[in-house]
Amino acid sequence: MRIVLGKIVLVFCLISLLTGDMVGYGQAVGNAKKATAAAPSTYQYQGKFTQGQIGELRIPAEIKGKLPELASYLERANTTHENQRSDSLAQVGLRINDSTGTIVGSPTQAGKFRFLIEVQDQKKQTIAFLWAIVSIATPATPPSSQGELLILKFVVLQFLHPIDWERALLAGCVVYTNVGAKLSLIQVSLPDGSSRKFQVPLGREVIVCGEVIYIDTRPMAQSE
């Protein structure tokens, strides 16, 4: 009888041990699932632009180092995140490079803006949100009363005197500078089928960023 009882006790102990192991395993799996479902991190950084001048704002290295090397950066304009409302890059003349997260362009208005960027991995899963706090200052020198800085959507740009122009790349845009004539004529075809001609003074620029063109027809001040 003692032997039988001993066997029963032994079996009971084995069952208890196995049950305990299964409980521990279940807890470990549950904890792993909780870790996988962690909420995306949110980071914030700041930058400055000047109205009417082309510039760029890159994600700081200390933040970039926490993100996957291969990621997509998507702007979330007019969106509420953590009780903060985001502004729109396009409304102030800026845009984002979706493979690097760099904000580029020539701002059309001054002020302080908050832009929300969603970071996704290669599986299109959201892994982080970025707040880019951007201050856009007015130019130190007031614009000349003659000429203007034009910002247009365009289809075709034609230089009527190509020899007058130098070409350079800056922040993902193409910058053309009049270096050859007091006034150099360009022609721009617009999306509505019309075309316009502009005289660009010596030293002024025509900047092409995607489908947008910036044309500076203001005469150069003597101090410039």
N, C-alpha and C. Protein backbone atom coordinates (compact mmCIF):
# COMPACT_ATOMS: atom_id res chain seq x y z
N MET A 1 0.84 -1.21 0.00
CA MET A 1 0.00 0.00 0.00
C MET A 1 0.87 1.25 0.00
N ARG A 2 1.96 1.18 0.73
CA ARG A 2 2.88 2.32 0.75
C ARG A 2 3.49 2.56 -0.63
N ILE A 3 3.78 1.46 -1.31
CA ILE A 3 4.39 1.59 -2.64
C ILE A 3 3.41 2.26 -3.60
N VAL A 4 2.17 1.81 -3.56
CA VAL A 4 1.15 2.41 -4.43
C VAL A 4 0.99 3.89 -4.12
N LEU A 5 0.93 4.20 -2.84
CA LEU A 5 0.79 5.60 -2.44
C LEU A 5 1.98 6.42 -2.91
N GLY A 6 3.15 5.83 -2.82
CA GLY A 6 4.35 6.54 -3.28
C GLY A 6 4.28 6.84 -4.76
N LYS A 7 3.75 5.87 -5.53
CA LYS A 7 3.62 6.09 -6.97
C LYS A 7 2.63 7.22 -7.26
N ILE A 8 1.55 7.22 -6.48
CA ILE A 8 0.54 8.27 -6.69
C ILE A 8 1.14 9.64 -6.39
N VAL A 9 1.88 9.71 -5.29
CA VAL A 9 2.52 10.99 -4.93
C VAL A 9 3.51 11.41 -6.00
N LEU A 10 4.28 10.43 -6.52
CA LEU A 10 5.27 10.73 -7.55
C LEU A 10 4.61 11.25 -8.82
N VAL A 11 3.53 10.60 -9.23
CA VAL A 11 2.80 11.04 -10.43
C VAL A 11 2.25 12.44 -10.22
N PHE A 12 1.72 12.69 -9.03
CA PHE A 12 1.17 14.02 -8.73
C PHE A 12 2.25 15.10 -8.82
N CYS A 13 3.43 14.77 -8.32
CA CYS A 13 4.54 15.73 -8.38
C CYS A 13 4.96 16.02 -9.81
N LEU A 14 5.00 14.96 -10.64
CA LEU A 14 5.36 15.14 -12.04
C LEU A 14 4.34 16.02 -12.76
N ILE A 15 3.06 15.79 -12.49
CA ILE A 15 2.01 16.60 -13.11
C ILE A 15 2.15 18.05 -12.68
N SER A 16 2.45 18.28 -11.41
CA SER A 16 2.61 19.65 -10.91
C SER A 16 3.77 20.35 -11.59
N LEU A 17 4.88 19.60 -11.76
CA LEU A 17 6.04 20.20 -12.42
C LEU A 17 5.73 20.55 -13.87
N LEU A 18 5.08 19.63 -14.57
CA LEU A 18 4.74 19.89 -15.97
C LEU A 18 3.78 21.05 -16.10
N THR A 19 2.80 21.11 -15.20
CA THR A 19 1.82 22.21 -15.23
C THR A 19 2.51 23.54 -14.98
N GLY A 20 3.44 23.54 -14.03
CA GLY A 20 4.18 24.76 -13.74
C GLY A 20 4.99 25.22 -14.92
N ASP A 21 5.63 24.25 -15.63
CA ASP A 21 6.41 24.59 -16.82
C ASP A 21 5.52 25.19 -17.89
N MET A 22 4.33 24.62 -18.09
CA MET A 22 3.42 25.13 -19.12
C MET A 22 2.95 26.53 -18.79
N VAL A 23 2.69 26.77 -17.48
CA VAL A 23 2.28 28.12 -17.08
C VAL A 23 3.40 29.11 -17.35
N GLY A 24 4.63 28.71 -17.00
CA GLY A 24 5.77 29.59 -17.26
C GLY A 24 5.96 29.85 -18.73
N TYR A 25 5.79 28.80 -19.55
CA TYR A 25 5.91 28.96 -21.00
C TYR A 25 4.85 29.90 -21.54
N GLY A 26 3.61 29.73 -21.04
CA GLY A 26 2.52 30.60 -21.48
C GLY A 26 2.78 32.05 -21.13
N GLN A 27 3.32 32.28 -19.94
CA GLN A 27 3.64 33.65 -19.53
C GLN A 27 4.73 34.24 -20.42
N ALA A 28 5.73 33.43 -20.77
CA ALA A 28 6.82 33.92 -21.63
C ALA A 28 6.29 34.30 -23.00
N VAL A 29 5.41 33.45 -23.57
CA VAL A 29 4.83 33.76 -24.87
C VAL A 29 3.99 35.02 -24.79
N GLY A 30 3.22 35.14 -23.72
CA GLY A 30 2.39 36.34 -23.55
C GLY A 30 3.22 37.59 -23.46
N ASN A 31 4.33 37.51 -22.72
CA ASN A 31 5.21 38.68 -22.59
C ASN A 31 5.84 39.04 -23.93
N ALA A 32 6.20 38.02 -24.72
CA ALA A 32 6.79 38.28 -26.04
C ALA A 32 5.79 38.98 -26.94
N LYS A 33 4.53 38.55 -26.88
CA LYS A 33 3.50 39.19 -27.71
C LYS A 33 3.29 40.63 -27.29
N LYS A 34 3.33 40.87 -25.97
CA LYS A 34 3.18 42.24 -25.48
C LYS A 34 4.31 43.12 -25.98
N ALA A 35 5.54 42.57 -25.97
CA ALA A 35 6.69 43.35 -26.43
C ALA A 35 6.56 43.68 -27.91
N THR A 36 6.05 42.72 -28.70
CA THR A 36 5.89 42.94 -30.13
C THR A 36 4.87 44.04 -30.41
N ALA A 37 3.86 44.13 -29.57
CA ALA A 37 2.77 45.07 -29.81
C ALA A 37 3.02 46.44 -29.18
N ALA A 38 4.28 46.74 -28.84
CA ALA A 38 4.59 48.01 -28.20
C ALA A 38 4.23 49.17 -29.12
N ALA A 39 3.78 50.28 -28.53
CA ALA A 39 3.37 51.44 -29.31
C ALA A 39 4.58 52.09 -29.99
N PRO A 40 4.39 52.68 -31.18
CA PRO A 40 5.50 53.36 -31.87
C PRO A 40 6.06 54.50 -31.02
N SER A 41 7.35 54.70 -31.09
CA SER A 41 7.99 55.80 -30.38
C SER A 41 7.72 57.12 -31.10
N THR A 42 7.80 58.21 -30.35
CA THR A 42 7.64 59.55 -30.93
C THR A 42 8.88 60.38 -30.61
N TYR A 43 9.45 61.01 -31.64
CA TYR A 43 10.63 61.85 -31.48
C TYR A 43 10.32 63.25 -32.01
N GLN A 44 11.08 64.21 -31.54
CA GLN A 44 10.87 65.60 -31.96
C GLN A 44 12.21 66.27 -32.24
N TYR A 45 12.24 67.08 -33.29
CA TYR A 45 13.44 67.86 -33.60
C TYR A 45 13.02 69.18 -34.24
N GLN A 46 13.97 70.10 -34.36
CA GLN A 46 13.66 71.44 -34.83
C GLN A 46 14.56 71.84 -35.99
N GLY A 47 14.10 72.83 -36.75
CA GLY A 47 14.89 73.35 -37.85
C GLY A 47 14.41 74.72 -38.27
N LYS A 48 15.22 75.38 -39.10
CA LYS A 48 14.90 76.74 -39.54
C LYS A 48 15.00 76.86 -41.05
N PHE A 49 14.10 77.65 -41.62
CA PHE A 49 14.13 78.03 -43.02
C PHE A 49 13.98 79.55 -43.10
N THR A 50 14.24 80.08 -44.28
CA THR A 50 13.98 81.50 -44.55
C THR A 50 13.02 81.60 -45.72
N GLN A 51 12.01 82.41 -45.56
CA GLN A 51 11.00 82.56 -46.61
C GLN A 51 11.63 82.98 -47.93
N GLY A 52 11.26 82.27 -49.01
CA GLY A 52 11.75 82.61 -50.33
C GLY A 52 13.14 82.08 -50.65
N GLN A 53 13.75 81.36 -49.71
CA GLN A 53 15.09 80.81 -49.94
C GLN A 53 15.05 79.30 -49.80
N ILE A 54 15.67 78.61 -50.75
CA ILE A 54 15.65 77.16 -50.72
C ILE A 54 16.51 76.64 -49.57
N GLY A 55 16.03 75.61 -48.92
CA GLY A 55 16.76 75.04 -47.80
C GLY A 55 16.34 73.60 -47.57
N GLU A 56 16.93 72.98 -46.55
CA GLU A 56 16.58 71.60 -46.23
C GLU A 56 16.72 71.37 -44.73
N LEU A 57 15.98 70.40 -44.24
CA LEU A 57 16.03 70.00 -42.84
C LEU A 57 16.12 68.48 -42.79
N ARG A 58 17.25 67.98 -42.29
CA ARG A 58 17.46 66.54 -42.19
C ARG A 58 17.12 66.05 -40.79
N ILE A 59 16.78 64.78 -40.69
CA ILE A 59 16.52 64.17 -39.39
C ILE A 59 17.85 64.07 -38.65
N PRO A 60 17.93 64.53 -37.40
CA PRO A 60 19.19 64.46 -36.66
C PRO A 60 19.73 63.03 -36.55
N ALA A 61 21.04 62.92 -36.52
CA ALA A 61 21.69 61.60 -36.51
C ALA A 61 21.29 60.78 -35.29
N GLU A 62 21.09 61.44 -34.13
CA GLU A 62 20.75 60.68 -32.93
C GLU A 62 19.37 60.04 -33.03
N ILE A 63 18.48 60.65 -33.83
CA ILE A 63 17.15 60.05 -34.06
C ILE A 63 17.24 59.04 -35.19
N LYS A 64 17.95 59.40 -36.25
CA LYS A 64 18.08 58.51 -37.41
C LYS A 64 18.68 57.17 -37.00
N GLY A 65 19.60 57.19 -36.04
CA GLY A 65 20.24 55.96 -35.61
C GLY A 65 19.31 54.99 -34.90
N LYS A 66 18.15 55.47 -34.45
CA LYS A 66 17.18 54.61 -33.77
C LYS A 66 16.16 54.03 -34.74
N LEU A 67 16.25 54.41 -36.01
CA LEU A 67 15.29 53.96 -37.02
C LEU A 67 15.95 52.97 -37.97
N PRO A 68 15.16 52.12 -38.62
CA PRO A 68 15.74 51.17 -39.58
C PRO A 68 16.43 51.89 -40.74
N GLU A 69 17.45 51.26 -41.27
CA GLU A 69 18.17 51.86 -42.39
C GLU A 69 17.26 52.00 -43.61
N LEU A 70 16.41 51.00 -43.82
CA LEU A 70 15.46 51.03 -44.92
C LEU A 70 14.07 51.33 -44.35
N ALA A 71 13.65 52.56 -44.48
CA ALA A 71 12.35 52.98 -43.94
C ALA A 71 11.71 53.97 -44.90
N SER A 72 10.40 54.13 -44.75
CA SER A 72 9.65 55.12 -45.53
C SER A 72 9.17 56.22 -44.60
N TYR A 73 9.20 57.46 -45.11
CA TYR A 73 8.82 58.61 -44.31
C TYR A 73 7.63 59.29 -44.98
N LEU A 74 6.49 59.25 -44.31
CA LEU A 74 5.24 59.73 -44.89
C LEU A 74 4.71 60.90 -44.07
N GLU A 75 4.43 62.01 -44.74
CA GLU A 75 3.87 63.15 -44.02
C GLU A 75 2.41 62.87 -43.67
N ARG A 76 2.02 63.25 -42.46
CA ARG A 76 0.63 63.15 -42.02
C ARG A 76 0.14 64.57 -41.73
N ALA A 77 -0.30 65.24 -42.80
CA ALA A 77 -0.74 66.63 -42.68
C ALA A 77 -2.13 66.71 -42.05
N ASN A 78 -2.36 67.79 -41.31
CA ASN A 78 -3.67 68.06 -40.71
C ASN A 78 -4.18 66.86 -39.92
N THR A 79 -3.28 66.29 -39.12
CA THR A 79 -3.58 65.09 -38.33
C THR A 79 -3.29 65.37 -36.86
N THR A 80 -4.11 64.81 -35.98
CA THR A 80 -3.90 64.96 -34.54
C THR A 80 -3.14 63.75 -34.01
N HIS A 81 -2.03 64.02 -33.33
CA HIS A 81 -1.22 62.96 -32.72
C HIS A 81 -0.74 63.45 -31.37
N GLU A 82 -1.05 62.68 -30.33
CA GLU A 82 -0.69 63.05 -28.96
C GLU A 82 -1.17 64.47 -28.63
N ASN A 83 -2.43 64.72 -28.99
CA ASN A 83 -3.11 65.99 -28.69
C ASN A 83 -2.50 67.20 -29.39
N GLN A 84 -1.71 66.96 -30.44
CA GLN A 84 -1.12 68.05 -31.22
C GLN A 84 -1.59 67.92 -32.67
N ARG A 85 -1.92 69.06 -33.28
CA ARG A 85 -2.40 69.08 -34.66
C ARG A 85 -1.25 69.44 -35.60
N SER A 86 -1.11 68.68 -36.67
CA SER A 86 -0.01 68.91 -37.60
C SER A 86 -0.40 69.89 -38.70
N ASP A 87 0.61 70.60 -39.20
CA ASP A 87 0.43 71.49 -40.35
C ASP A 87 0.75 70.73 -41.64
N SER A 88 0.61 71.43 -42.77
CA SER A 88 0.85 70.82 -44.08
C SER A 88 2.10 71.40 -44.72
N LEU A 89 3.01 70.54 -45.14
CA LEU A 89 4.22 71.00 -45.83
C LEU A 89 3.88 71.74 -47.11
N ALA A 90 2.96 71.18 -47.89
CA ALA A 90 2.63 71.76 -49.19
C ALA A 90 2.09 73.18 -49.06
N GLN A 91 1.38 73.45 -47.98
CA GLN A 91 0.77 74.77 -47.82
C GLN A 91 1.80 75.87 -47.58
N VAL A 92 3.01 75.49 -47.19
CA VAL A 92 4.06 76.50 -46.98
C VAL A 92 5.20 76.34 -47.98
N GLY A 93 4.97 75.55 -49.05
CA GLY A 93 5.97 75.44 -50.11
C GLY A 93 7.08 74.45 -49.84
N LEU A 94 6.84 73.49 -48.93
CA LEU A 94 7.86 72.49 -48.62
C LEU A 94 7.38 71.10 -49.03
N ARG A 95 8.30 70.14 -49.06
CA ARG A 95 7.95 68.76 -49.36
C ARG A 95 8.95 67.84 -48.66
N ILE A 96 8.62 66.54 -48.61
CA ILE A 96 9.48 65.58 -47.91
C ILE A 96 9.99 64.52 -48.87
N ASN A 97 11.24 64.14 -48.69
CA ASN A 97 11.81 63.01 -49.43
C ASN A 97 11.40 61.75 -48.67
N ASP A 98 10.55 60.92 -49.28
CA ASP A 98 9.98 59.80 -48.54
C ASP A 98 10.96 58.66 -48.27
N SER A 99 12.15 58.72 -48.85
CA SER A 99 13.13 57.67 -48.57
C SER A 99 14.19 58.10 -47.55
N THR A 100 14.31 59.41 -47.31
CA THR A 100 15.30 59.90 -46.34
C THR A 100 14.67 60.68 -45.19
N GLY A 101 13.46 61.20 -45.41
CA GLY A 101 12.82 62.02 -44.39
C GLY A 101 13.24 63.47 -44.40
N THR A 102 14.11 63.85 -45.35
CA THR A 102 14.58 65.24 -45.43
C THR A 102 13.48 66.14 -45.97
N ILE A 103 13.27 67.27 -45.31
CA ILE A 103 12.30 68.27 -45.75
C ILE A 103 13.04 69.32 -46.57
N VAL A 104 12.53 69.61 -47.77
CA VAL A 104 13.22 70.55 -48.66
C VAL A 104 12.21 71.52 -49.27
N GLY A 105 12.73 72.62 -49.82
CA GLY A 105 11.89 73.56 -50.53
C GLY A 105 12.24 75.00 -50.21
N SER A 106 11.46 75.89 -50.79
CA SER A 106 11.60 77.32 -50.57
C SER A 106 10.28 77.82 -49.97
N PRO A 107 10.24 78.08 -48.67
CA PRO A 107 8.97 78.41 -48.01
C PRO A 107 8.30 79.65 -48.58
N THR A 108 6.98 79.61 -48.62
CA THR A 108 6.21 80.71 -49.17
C THR A 108 5.63 81.62 -48.10
N GLN A 109 5.74 81.22 -46.83
CA GLN A 109 5.23 82.07 -45.76
C GLN A 109 6.05 81.86 -44.50
N ALA A 110 6.07 82.91 -43.67
CA ALA A 110 6.83 82.86 -42.43
C ALA A 110 5.95 82.38 -41.29
N GLY A 111 6.59 81.89 -40.22
CA GLY A 111 5.84 81.44 -39.05
C GLY A 111 6.48 80.20 -38.45
N LYS A 112 5.81 79.64 -37.45
CA LYS A 112 6.27 78.42 -36.80
C LYS A 112 5.26 77.32 -37.07
N PHE A 113 5.75 76.16 -37.51
CA PHE A 113 4.87 75.08 -37.95
C PHE A 113 5.31 73.75 -37.35
N ARG A 114 4.33 72.85 -37.21
CA ARG A 114 4.59 71.49 -36.71
C ARG A 114 4.20 70.50 -37.80
N PHE A 115 5.15 69.72 -38.25
CA PHE A 115 4.89 68.73 -39.30
C PHE A 115 5.06 67.33 -38.71
N LEU A 116 4.08 66.47 -38.99
CA LEU A 116 4.10 65.10 -38.46
C LEU A 116 4.54 64.13 -39.56
N ILE A 117 5.53 63.31 -39.22
CA ILE A 117 6.06 62.32 -40.16
C ILE A 117 5.90 60.93 -39.56
N GLU A 118 5.28 60.05 -40.32
CA GLU A 118 5.13 58.65 -39.90
C GLU A 118 6.24 57.82 -40.54
N VAL A 119 6.92 57.04 -39.72
CA VAL A 119 8.01 56.19 -40.21
C VAL A 119 7.51 54.75 -40.28
N GLN A 120 7.67 54.15 -41.45
CA GLN A 120 7.23 52.76 -41.65
C GLN A 120 8.42 51.90 -42.05
N ASP A 121 8.39 50.62 -41.62
CA ASP A 121 9.42 49.69 -42.04
C ASP A 121 9.05 49.08 -43.39
N GLN A 122 9.84 48.12 -43.84
CA GLN A 122 9.60 47.53 -45.16
C GLN A 122 8.30 46.75 -45.23
N LYS A 123 7.76 46.37 -44.07
CA LYS A 123 6.48 45.66 -44.04
C LYS A 123 5.29 46.62 -43.93
N LYS A 124 5.57 47.92 -44.08
CA LYS A 124 4.54 48.96 -44.00
C LYS A 124 3.95 49.08 -42.59
N GLN A 125 4.70 48.63 -41.59
CA GLN A 125 4.26 48.76 -40.22
C GLN A 125 4.82 50.05 -39.62
N THR A 126 4.00 50.77 -38.89
CA THR A 126 4.43 52.02 -38.28
C THR A 126 5.35 51.73 -37.10
N ILE A 127 6.55 52.31 -37.14
CA ILE A 127 7.51 52.06 -36.07
C ILE A 127 7.84 53.32 -35.28
N ALA A 128 7.49 54.49 -35.81
CA ALA A 128 7.77 55.74 -35.09
C ALA A 128 7.02 56.90 -35.71
N PHE A 129 6.87 57.95 -34.92
CA PHE A 129 6.35 59.23 -35.41
C PHE A 129 7.39 60.30 -35.10
N LEU A 130 7.54 61.24 -36.03
CA LEU A 130 8.48 62.34 -35.86
C LEU A 130 7.73 63.66 -35.93
N TRP A 131 8.00 64.53 -34.96
CA TRP A 131 7.50 65.90 -35.03
C TRP A 131 8.65 66.79 -35.48
N ALA A 132 8.50 67.41 -36.64
CA ALA A 132 9.49 68.38 -37.12
C ALA A 132 8.94 69.78 -36.83
N ILE A 133 9.57 70.47 -35.90
CA ILE A 133 9.14 71.82 -35.52
C ILE A 133 9.97 72.81 -36.34
N VAL A 134 9.31 73.49 -37.27
CA VAL A 134 10.02 74.33 -38.24
C VAL A 134 9.67 75.80 -38.05
N SER A 135 10.71 76.61 -37.92
CA SER A 135 10.55 78.06 -37.86
C SER A 135 10.97 78.65 -39.21
N ILE A 136 10.09 79.43 -39.82
CA ILE A 136 10.38 80.06 -41.11
C ILE A 136 10.46 81.56 -40.89
N ALA A 137 11.65 82.12 -41.11
CA ALA A 137 11.88 83.54 -40.87
C ALA A 137 11.67 84.34 -42.15
N THR A 138 11.34 85.61 -41.98
CA THR A 138 11.26 86.51 -43.13
C THR A 138 12.68 86.89 -43.55
N PRO A 139 12.91 87.20 -44.82
CA PRO A 139 14.26 87.56 -45.27
C PRO A 139 14.78 88.79 -44.54
N ALA A 140 16.08 88.81 -44.30
CA ALA A 140 16.69 89.95 -43.62
C ALA A 140 16.55 91.23 -44.44
N THR A 141 16.64 91.09 -45.77
CA THR A 141 16.50 92.24 -46.66
C THR A 141 15.12 92.22 -47.28
N PRO A 142 14.31 93.26 -47.09
CA PRO A 142 12.97 93.28 -47.68
C PRO A 142 13.03 93.15 -49.19
N PRO A 143 12.06 92.46 -49.80
CA PRO A 143 12.03 92.32 -51.25
C PRO A 143 11.96 93.67 -51.95
N SER A 144 12.56 93.73 -53.12
CA SER A 144 12.50 94.94 -53.91
C SER A 144 11.08 95.22 -54.36
N SER A 145 10.75 96.48 -54.53
CA SER A 145 9.41 96.85 -54.97
C SER A 145 9.21 96.52 -56.45
N GLN A 146 10.30 96.27 -57.16
CA GLN A 146 10.21 95.91 -58.57
C GLN A 146 10.49 94.42 -58.72
N GLY A 147 9.74 93.79 -59.59
CA GLY A 147 9.90 92.35 -59.77
C GLY A 147 9.26 91.60 -58.62
N GLU A 148 9.32 90.28 -58.69
CA GLU A 148 8.69 89.47 -57.64
C GLU A 148 9.28 88.07 -57.66
N LEU A 149 9.03 87.35 -56.57
CA LEU A 149 9.41 85.95 -56.48
C LEU A 149 8.16 85.13 -56.76
N LEU A 150 8.17 84.41 -57.88
CA LEU A 150 7.00 83.67 -58.33
C LEU A 150 7.17 82.18 -58.03
N ILE A 151 6.07 81.56 -57.63
CA ILE A 151 6.06 80.12 -57.38
C ILE A 151 4.91 79.53 -58.17
N LEU A 152 5.23 78.66 -59.13
CA LEU A 152 4.22 78.15 -60.05
C LEU A 152 4.37 76.65 -60.24
N LYS A 153 3.26 75.99 -60.51
CA LYS A 153 3.32 74.63 -61.04
C LYS A 153 3.51 74.74 -62.55
N PHE A 154 4.38 73.89 -63.10
CA PHE A 154 4.70 74.04 -64.51
C PHE A 154 4.83 72.68 -65.19
N VAL A 155 4.90 72.73 -66.52
CA VAL A 155 5.07 71.51 -67.32
C VAL A 155 6.42 71.52 -68.02
N VAL A 156 6.74 72.64 -68.69
CA VAL A 156 7.99 72.74 -69.45
C VAL A 156 8.65 74.08 -69.15
N LEU A 157 9.96 74.05 -68.97
CA LEU A 157 10.77 75.26 -68.80
C LEU A 157 11.72 75.38 -69.98
N GLN A 158 11.73 76.56 -70.60
CA GLN A 158 12.60 76.78 -71.76
C GLN A 158 13.44 78.04 -71.55
N PHE A 159 14.76 77.89 -71.70
CA PHE A 159 15.66 79.03 -71.64
C PHE A 159 15.89 79.53 -73.07
N LEU A 160 15.48 80.76 -73.33
CA LEU A 160 15.60 81.28 -74.69
C LEU A 160 17.04 81.64 -75.04
N HIS A 161 17.87 81.81 -74.01
CA HIS A 161 19.31 82.04 -74.22
C HIS A 161 20.07 81.14 -73.24
N PRO A 162 20.20 79.86 -73.55
CA PRO A 162 20.78 78.89 -72.63
C PRO A 162 22.19 79.23 -72.16
N ILE A 163 22.94 79.95 -73.00
CA ILE A 163 24.32 80.26 -72.66
C ILE A 163 24.42 81.17 -71.43
N ASP A 164 23.31 81.83 -71.08
CA ASP A 164 23.32 82.76 -69.94
C ASP A 164 23.29 82.04 -68.59
N TRP A 165 23.04 80.74 -68.58
CA TRP A 165 22.68 80.07 -67.34
C TRP A 165 23.70 79.04 -66.87
N GLU A 166 23.87 79.00 -65.54
CA GLU A 166 24.63 77.94 -64.89
C GLU A 166 23.67 77.05 -64.12
N ARG A 167 23.99 75.76 -64.07
CA ARG A 167 23.10 74.78 -63.43
C ARG A 167 23.80 74.12 -62.25
N ALA A 168 23.06 73.94 -61.14
CA ALA A 168 23.60 73.26 -59.96
C ALA A 168 22.48 72.51 -59.25
N LEU A 169 22.87 71.55 -58.42
CA LEU A 169 21.90 70.78 -57.64
C LEU A 169 21.99 71.20 -56.18
N LEU A 170 20.83 71.33 -55.54
CA LEU A 170 20.79 71.71 -54.13
C LEU A 170 19.56 71.09 -53.48
N ALA A 171 19.79 70.25 -52.48
CA ALA A 171 18.70 69.66 -51.68
C ALA A 171 17.62 69.01 -52.55
N GLY A 172 18.04 68.31 -53.59
CA GLY A 172 17.09 67.61 -54.43
C GLY A 172 16.42 68.47 -55.49
N CYS A 173 16.79 69.73 -55.58
CA CYS A 173 16.23 70.64 -56.58
C CYS A 173 17.33 71.07 -57.56
N VAL A 174 16.91 71.57 -58.72
CA VAL A 174 17.86 72.08 -59.72
C VAL A 174 17.81 73.60 -59.69
N VAL A 175 18.97 74.21 -59.52
CA VAL A 175 19.06 75.67 -59.42
C VAL A 175 19.77 76.21 -60.66
N TYR A 176 19.07 77.09 -61.39
CA TYR A 176 19.64 77.75 -62.56
C TYR A 176 19.91 79.21 -62.19
N THR A 177 21.11 79.69 -62.45
CA THR A 177 21.48 81.06 -62.12
C THR A 177 21.86 81.81 -63.39
N ASN A 178 21.29 83.00 -63.55
CA ASN A 178 21.63 83.85 -64.69
C ASN A 178 22.99 84.49 -64.44
N VAL A 179 23.98 84.07 -65.21
CA VAL A 179 25.34 84.60 -65.05
C VAL A 179 25.83 85.31 -66.30
N GLY A 180 24.96 85.41 -67.33
CA GLY A 180 25.48 85.90 -68.61
C GLY A 180 24.84 87.14 -69.18
N ALA A 181 23.71 87.59 -68.64
CA ALA A 181 23.04 88.73 -69.25
C ALA A 181 22.36 89.58 -68.19
N LYS A 182 22.22 90.87 -68.48
CA LYS A 182 21.54 91.76 -67.54
C LYS A 182 20.12 91.30 -67.31
N LEU A 183 19.46 90.86 -68.36
CA LEU A 183 18.14 90.23 -68.28
C LEU A 183 18.12 89.04 -69.23
N SER A 184 17.75 87.87 -68.72
CA SER A 184 17.68 86.69 -69.57
C SER A 184 16.24 86.18 -69.59
N LEU A 185 15.77 85.84 -70.77
CA LEU A 185 14.36 85.50 -70.97
C LEU A 185 14.14 83.98 -70.85
N ILE A 186 13.10 83.61 -70.11
CA ILE A 186 12.69 82.21 -70.03
C ILE A 186 11.21 82.11 -70.38
N GLN A 187 10.80 80.92 -70.79
CA GLN A 187 9.39 80.68 -71.09
C GLN A 187 8.94 79.44 -70.32
N VAL A 188 7.78 79.55 -69.67
CA VAL A 188 7.27 78.46 -68.83
C VAL A 188 5.90 78.05 -69.35
N SER A 189 5.75 76.75 -69.64
CA SER A 189 4.45 76.20 -70.03
C SER A 189 3.74 75.72 -68.77
N LEU A 190 2.47 76.10 -68.62
CA LEU A 190 1.70 75.82 -67.42
C LEU A 190 0.74 74.65 -67.63
N PRO A 191 0.25 74.03 -66.55
CA PRO A 191 -0.64 72.87 -66.68
C PRO A 191 -1.93 73.15 -67.45
N ASP A 192 -2.38 74.42 -67.48
CA ASP A 192 -3.63 74.73 -68.19
C ASP A 192 -3.43 74.91 -69.69
N GLY A 193 -2.20 74.68 -70.16
CA GLY A 193 -1.92 74.79 -71.59
C GLY A 193 -1.37 76.13 -72.01
N SER A 194 -1.41 77.11 -71.14
CA SER A 194 -0.88 78.44 -71.46
C SER A 194 0.62 78.48 -71.20
N SER A 195 1.25 79.56 -71.63
CA SER A 195 2.68 79.75 -71.38
C SER A 195 2.93 81.21 -71.03
N ARG A 196 3.97 81.44 -70.23
CA ARG A 196 4.33 82.79 -69.83
C ARG A 196 5.83 82.99 -69.98
N LYS A 197 6.21 84.23 -70.27
CA LYS A 197 7.62 84.57 -70.39
C LYS A 197 8.02 85.48 -69.22
N PHE A 198 9.26 85.29 -68.76
CA PHE A 198 9.76 86.08 -67.65
C PHE A 198 11.19 86.53 -67.95
N GLN A 199 11.50 87.74 -67.51
CA GLN A 199 12.86 88.24 -67.61
C GLN A 199 13.52 88.14 -66.24
N VAL A 200 14.58 87.37 -66.18
CA VAL A 200 15.27 87.13 -64.91
C VAL A 200 16.55 87.96 -64.88
N PRO A 201 16.70 88.83 -63.88
CA PRO A 201 17.90 89.69 -63.82
C PRO A 201 19.19 88.90 -63.59
N LEU A 202 20.27 89.51 -63.92
CA LEU A 202 21.59 88.93 -63.71
C LEU A 202 21.78 88.59 -62.22
N GLY A 203 22.24 87.39 -61.96
CA GLY A 203 22.48 86.96 -60.58
C GLY A 203 21.30 86.30 -59.91
N ARG A 204 20.11 86.42 -60.50
CA ARG A 204 18.92 85.80 -59.91
C ARG A 204 18.79 84.35 -60.38
N GLU A 205 17.91 83.61 -59.68
CA GLU A 205 17.82 82.17 -59.89
C GLU A 205 16.44 81.73 -60.34
N VAL A 206 16.44 80.60 -61.03
CA VAL A 206 15.22 79.85 -61.33
C VAL A 206 15.43 78.47 -60.71
N ILE A 207 14.54 78.07 -59.81
CA ILE A 207 14.72 76.82 -59.07
C ILE A 207 13.58 75.87 -59.42
N VAL A 208 13.94 74.65 -59.78
CA VAL A 208 12.96 73.63 -60.14
C VAL A 208 12.99 72.53 -59.09
N CYS A 209 11.84 72.33 -58.43
CA CYS A 209 11.68 71.26 -57.43
C CYS A 209 10.47 70.43 -57.82
N GLY A 210 10.71 69.32 -58.50
CA GLY A 210 9.59 68.50 -58.94
C GLY A 210 8.73 69.23 -59.96
N GLU A 211 7.45 69.39 -59.66
CA GLU A 211 6.51 70.06 -60.56
C GLU A 211 6.38 71.55 -60.25
N VAL A 212 7.18 72.04 -59.32
CA VAL A 212 7.09 73.44 -58.91
C VAL A 212 8.33 74.20 -59.36
N ILE A 213 8.12 75.43 -59.83
CA ILE A 213 9.23 76.26 -60.26
C ILE A 213 9.19 77.58 -59.49
N TYR A 214 10.37 78.03 -59.05
CA TYR A 214 10.53 79.31 -58.35
C TYR A 214 11.30 80.24 -59.27
N ILE A 215 10.70 81.39 -59.58
CA ILE A 215 11.31 82.33 -60.52
C ILE A 215 11.50 83.67 -59.81
N ASP A 216 12.74 84.12 -59.74
CA ASP A 216 13.04 85.37 -59.06
C ASP A 216 13.30 86.45 -60.10
N THR A 217 12.34 87.36 -60.26
CA THR A 217 12.48 88.43 -61.25
C THR A 217 12.86 89.76 -60.59
N ARG A 218 13.22 89.72 -59.31
CA ARG A 218 13.59 90.96 -58.62
C ARG A 218 14.99 91.40 -59.03
N PRO A 219 15.19 92.66 -59.30
CA PRO A 219 16.54 93.13 -59.65
C PRO A 219 17.46 93.01 -58.44
N MET A 220 18.73 92.74 -58.71
CA MET A 220 19.70 92.62 -57.63
C MET A 220 19.95 93.98 -57.00
N ALA A 221 19.93 94.02 -55.67
CA ALA A 221 20.27 95.25 -54.96
C ALA A 221 21.78 95.48 -55.03
N GLN A 222 22.21 96.71 -54.88
CA GLN A 222 23.63 97.02 -54.98
C GLN A 222 24.44 96.30 -53.90
N SER A 223 23.82 96.09 -52.73
CA SER A 223 24.52 95.42 -51.63
C SER A 223 24.74 93.94 -51.92
N GLU A 224 23.95 93.37 -52.86
CA GLU A 224 24.09 91.96 -53.21
C GLU A 224 25.18 91.78 -54.24
